[in-house]
Amino acid sequence: MTTDPAAAVARTRALLVLRAAAIGDRLVVRAHHGDGARDSLGVLTARGADTVTIDTRRGPVEVALADVVAAKPVPPAPPRRH
């Protein structure tokens, strides 16, 4: 874990967002991944004690809450152009 106070506040806020979000809400979640971070943008489809699942365009992504750095709700996706 980081000792940076700003990062700790961001992480706490992210976990509160994930706790308050309803299944079906659209979110973006940033989580540690290897040496960097990975963003998952999509619909919250499941929430467990230690993970959340985001249904992205590329399929479902399970994110460990221990790895979450940031999260926020986002508006619905714009309609696809034809």
N, C-alpha and C. Protein backbone atom coordinates (compact mmCIF):
# COMPACT_ATOMS: atom_id res chain seq x y z
N MET A 1 0.83 -1.19 0.00
CA MET A 1 0.00 0.00 0.00
C MET A 1 0.87 1.25 0.00
N THR A 2 0.29 2.30 -0.49
CA THR A 2 1.01 3.57 -0.57
C THR A 2 0.88 4.34 0.74
N THR A 3 1.85 5.19 1.00
CA THR A 3 1.79 6.05 2.18
C THR A 3 1.43 7.47 1.78
N ASP A 4 1.20 7.72 0.50
CA ASP A 4 0.82 9.04 0.00
C ASP A 4 -0.60 9.36 0.48
N PRO A 5 -0.77 10.44 1.27
CA PRO A 5 -2.09 10.76 1.80
C PRO A 5 -3.14 11.02 0.72
N ALA A 6 -2.76 11.67 -0.37
CA ALA A 6 -3.72 11.94 -1.45
C ALA A 6 -4.19 10.64 -2.10
N ALA A 7 -3.27 9.71 -2.29
CA ALA A 7 -3.63 8.42 -2.87
C ALA A 7 -4.55 7.64 -1.93
N ALA A 8 -4.29 7.74 -0.64
CA ALA A 8 -5.13 7.05 0.34
C ALA A 8 -6.55 7.61 0.33
N VAL A 9 -6.68 8.92 0.20
CA VAL A 9 -8.00 9.56 0.13
C VAL A 9 -8.72 9.12 -1.14
N ALA A 10 -8.00 9.12 -2.28
CA ALA A 10 -8.60 8.70 -3.55
C ALA A 10 -9.08 7.26 -3.47
N ARG A 11 -8.29 6.41 -2.87
CA ARG A 11 -8.67 5.00 -2.74
C ARG A 11 -9.90 4.84 -1.86
N THR A 12 -9.95 5.56 -0.76
CA THR A 12 -11.11 5.50 0.13
C THR A 12 -12.36 5.96 -0.61
N ARG A 13 -12.25 7.05 -1.35
CA ARG A 13 -13.40 7.54 -2.13
C ARG A 13 -13.83 6.51 -3.17
N ALA A 14 -12.86 5.88 -3.82
CA ALA A 14 -13.16 4.87 -4.84
C ALA A 14 -13.94 3.70 -4.23
N LEU A 15 -13.50 3.25 -3.07
CA LEU A 15 -14.19 2.13 -2.43
C LEU A 15 -15.60 2.52 -2.00
N LEU A 16 -15.79 3.77 -1.59
CA LEU A 16 -17.13 4.25 -1.26
C LEU A 16 -18.02 4.30 -2.50
N VAL A 17 -17.47 4.73 -3.62
CA VAL A 17 -18.22 4.75 -4.89
C VAL A 17 -18.65 3.33 -5.25
N LEU A 18 -17.73 2.39 -5.14
CA LEU A 18 -18.05 1.01 -5.49
C LEU A 18 -19.09 0.41 -4.54
N ARG A 19 -19.04 0.77 -3.29
CA ARG A 19 -20.00 0.27 -2.31
C ARG A 19 -21.39 0.86 -2.57
N ALA A 20 -21.45 2.13 -2.97
CA ALA A 20 -22.73 2.82 -3.18
C ALA A 20 -23.34 2.52 -4.55
N ALA A 21 -22.55 2.09 -5.50
CA ALA A 21 -23.05 1.85 -6.86
C ALA A 21 -24.03 0.68 -6.87
N ALA A 22 -25.04 0.82 -7.69
CA ALA A 22 -26.02 -0.25 -7.87
C ALA A 22 -25.58 -1.15 -9.03
N ILE A 23 -25.94 -2.40 -8.94
CA ILE A 23 -25.72 -3.29 -10.08
C ILE A 23 -26.44 -2.66 -11.27
N GLY A 24 -25.72 -2.56 -12.38
CA GLY A 24 -26.28 -1.92 -13.57
C GLY A 24 -25.75 -0.51 -13.79
N ASP A 25 -25.10 0.08 -12.77
CA ASP A 25 -24.51 1.41 -12.94
C ASP A 25 -23.27 1.32 -13.82
N ARG A 26 -23.02 2.38 -14.58
CA ARG A 26 -21.83 2.44 -15.44
C ARG A 26 -20.73 3.15 -14.66
N LEU A 27 -19.55 2.53 -14.62
CA LEU A 27 -18.43 3.03 -13.84
C LEU A 27 -17.13 2.91 -14.61
N VAL A 28 -16.15 3.66 -14.17
CA VAL A 28 -14.77 3.40 -14.58
C VAL A 28 -14.00 3.11 -13.29
N VAL A 29 -13.22 2.02 -13.32
CA VAL A 29 -12.45 1.59 -12.15
C VAL A 29 -10.99 1.46 -12.57
N ARG A 30 -10.11 2.13 -11.85
CA ARG A 30 -8.66 2.00 -12.09
C ARG A 30 -8.09 1.13 -10.99
N ALA A 31 -7.30 0.13 -11.39
CA ALA A 31 -6.71 -0.80 -10.42
C ALA A 31 -5.27 -1.11 -10.80
N HIS A 32 -4.47 -1.39 -9.78
CA HIS A 32 -3.08 -1.82 -10.03
C HIS A 32 -3.11 -3.07 -10.91
N HIS A 33 -2.19 -3.10 -11.87
CA HIS A 33 -2.08 -4.25 -12.77
C HIS A 33 -0.62 -4.38 -13.17
N GLY A 34 0.06 -5.37 -12.61
CA GLY A 34 1.49 -5.52 -12.88
C GLY A 34 2.24 -4.31 -12.34
N ASP A 35 3.06 -3.71 -13.19
CA ASP A 35 3.83 -2.53 -12.78
C ASP A 35 3.07 -1.23 -13.00
N GLY A 36 1.87 -1.30 -13.54
CA GLY A 36 1.10 -0.09 -13.84
C GLY A 36 -0.31 -0.20 -13.31
N ALA A 37 -1.23 0.37 -14.08
CA ALA A 37 -2.64 0.35 -13.71
C ALA A 37 -3.47 0.04 -14.94
N ARG A 38 -4.68 -0.43 -14.70
CA ARG A 38 -5.59 -0.76 -15.79
C ARG A 38 -6.95 -0.15 -15.48
N ASP A 39 -7.56 0.48 -16.49
CA ASP A 39 -8.90 1.04 -16.35
C ASP A 39 -9.91 0.05 -16.91
N SER A 40 -11.01 -0.11 -16.20
CA SER A 40 -12.12 -0.93 -16.68
C SER A 40 -13.35 -0.03 -16.73
N LEU A 41 -13.87 0.18 -17.93
CA LEU A 41 -15.03 1.03 -18.15
C LEU A 41 -16.19 0.17 -18.59
N GLY A 42 -17.28 0.22 -17.84
CA GLY A 42 -18.45 -0.58 -18.22
C GLY A 42 -19.48 -0.60 -17.11
N VAL A 43 -20.31 -1.62 -17.17
CA VAL A 43 -21.44 -1.75 -16.25
C VAL A 43 -21.08 -2.69 -15.11
N LEU A 44 -21.39 -2.26 -13.89
CA LEU A 44 -21.19 -3.11 -12.71
C LEU A 44 -22.18 -4.26 -12.76
N THR A 45 -21.67 -5.48 -12.83
CA THR A 45 -22.55 -6.65 -12.92
C THR A 45 -22.53 -7.53 -11.68
N ALA A 46 -21.49 -7.38 -10.85
CA ALA A 46 -21.43 -8.20 -9.63
C ALA A 46 -20.52 -7.51 -8.61
N ARG A 47 -20.84 -7.73 -7.35
CA ARG A 47 -20.02 -7.20 -6.26
C ARG A 47 -19.92 -8.27 -5.19
N GLY A 48 -18.71 -8.65 -4.86
CA GLY A 48 -18.48 -9.64 -3.81
C GLY A 48 -17.75 -8.98 -2.65
N ALA A 49 -17.35 -9.77 -1.70
CA ALA A 49 -16.63 -9.25 -0.54
C ALA A 49 -15.27 -8.67 -0.92
N ASP A 50 -14.63 -9.27 -1.93
CA ASP A 50 -13.27 -8.87 -2.30
C ASP A 50 -13.11 -8.40 -3.73
N THR A 51 -14.18 -8.49 -4.54
CA THR A 51 -14.07 -8.13 -5.96
C THR A 51 -15.33 -7.45 -6.46
N VAL A 52 -15.18 -6.76 -7.59
CA VAL A 52 -16.32 -6.29 -8.37
C VAL A 52 -16.09 -6.78 -9.80
N THR A 53 -17.18 -6.95 -10.52
CA THR A 53 -17.09 -7.34 -11.92
C THR A 53 -17.69 -6.24 -12.77
N ILE A 54 -16.91 -5.80 -13.75
CA ILE A 54 -17.33 -4.75 -14.68
C ILE A 54 -17.46 -5.39 -16.05
N ASP A 55 -18.63 -5.24 -16.67
CA ASP A 55 -18.84 -5.77 -18.02
C ASP A 55 -18.40 -4.70 -19.01
N THR A 56 -17.23 -4.90 -19.61
CA THR A 56 -16.66 -3.95 -20.56
C THR A 56 -16.97 -4.39 -21.98
N ARG A 57 -16.60 -3.57 -22.95
CA ARG A 57 -16.80 -3.93 -24.36
C ARG A 57 -16.06 -5.21 -24.72
N ARG A 58 -14.98 -5.49 -24.03
CA ARG A 58 -14.17 -6.69 -24.31
C ARG A 58 -14.58 -7.88 -23.47
N GLY A 59 -15.60 -7.72 -22.65
CA GLY A 59 -16.07 -8.80 -21.80
C GLY A 59 -15.94 -8.46 -20.33
N PRO A 60 -16.38 -9.35 -19.47
CA PRO A 60 -16.34 -9.08 -18.03
C PRO A 60 -14.91 -9.04 -17.49
N VAL A 61 -14.68 -8.10 -16.58
CA VAL A 61 -13.39 -7.95 -15.93
C VAL A 61 -13.63 -7.99 -14.42
N GLU A 62 -12.98 -8.92 -13.74
CA GLU A 62 -13.07 -8.99 -12.29
C GLU A 62 -11.93 -8.18 -11.70
N VAL A 63 -12.27 -7.25 -10.83
CA VAL A 63 -11.29 -6.34 -10.23
C VAL A 63 -11.24 -6.61 -8.73
N ALA A 64 -10.06 -6.90 -8.22
CA ALA A 64 -9.88 -7.09 -6.78
C ALA A 64 -9.96 -5.74 -6.08
N LEU A 65 -10.76 -5.65 -5.05
CA LEU A 65 -10.89 -4.39 -4.31
C LEU A 65 -9.56 -3.95 -3.71
N ALA A 66 -8.72 -4.91 -3.37
CA ALA A 66 -7.41 -4.58 -2.80
C ALA A 66 -6.53 -3.83 -3.81
N ASP A 67 -6.83 -3.97 -5.11
CA ASP A 67 -6.03 -3.33 -6.15
C ASP A 67 -6.60 -2.00 -6.64
N VAL A 68 -7.81 -1.64 -6.18
CA VAL A 68 -8.48 -0.43 -6.67
C VAL A 68 -7.72 0.82 -6.24
N VAL A 69 -7.51 1.70 -7.22
CA VAL A 69 -6.85 2.98 -7.00
C VAL A 69 -7.87 4.11 -7.05
N ALA A 70 -8.82 4.03 -8.00
CA ALA A 70 -9.81 5.07 -8.20
C ALA A 70 -11.05 4.47 -8.86
N ALA A 71 -12.19 5.12 -8.67
CA ALA A 71 -13.43 4.70 -9.33
C ALA A 71 -14.38 5.88 -9.34
N LYS A 72 -15.17 5.95 -10.40
CA LYS A 72 -16.20 6.99 -10.44
C LYS A 72 -17.30 6.56 -11.40
N PRO A 73 -18.51 7.08 -11.15
CA PRO A 73 -19.61 6.81 -12.08
C PRO A 73 -19.38 7.60 -13.36
N VAL A 74 -19.86 7.07 -14.46
CA VAL A 74 -19.76 7.76 -15.75
C VAL A 74 -21.13 7.72 -16.43
N PRO A 75 -21.39 8.68 -17.32
CA PRO A 75 -22.68 8.70 -18.00
C PRO A 75 -22.82 7.52 -18.97
N PRO A 76 -24.04 7.26 -19.41
CA PRO A 76 -24.25 6.18 -20.38
C PRO A 76 -23.41 6.39 -21.64
N ALA A 77 -23.05 5.30 -22.27
CA ALA A 77 -22.28 5.37 -23.51
C ALA A 77 -23.12 6.03 -24.60
N PRO A 78 -22.49 6.82 -25.46
CA PRO A 78 -23.25 7.40 -26.57
C PRO A 78 -23.68 6.31 -27.54
N PRO A 79 -24.75 6.54 -28.28
CA PRO A 79 -25.15 5.51 -29.24
C PRO A 79 -24.07 5.30 -30.29
N ARG A 80 -23.94 4.07 -30.75
CA ARG A 80 -22.94 3.76 -31.77
C ARG A 80 -23.35 4.36 -33.10
N ARG A 81 -22.37 4.84 -33.82
CA ARG A 81 -22.61 5.36 -35.17
C ARG A 81 -22.65 4.20 -36.15
N HIS A 82 -23.45 4.37 -37.16
CA HIS A 82 -23.54 3.31 -38.19
C HIS A 82 -22.84 3.72 -39.44
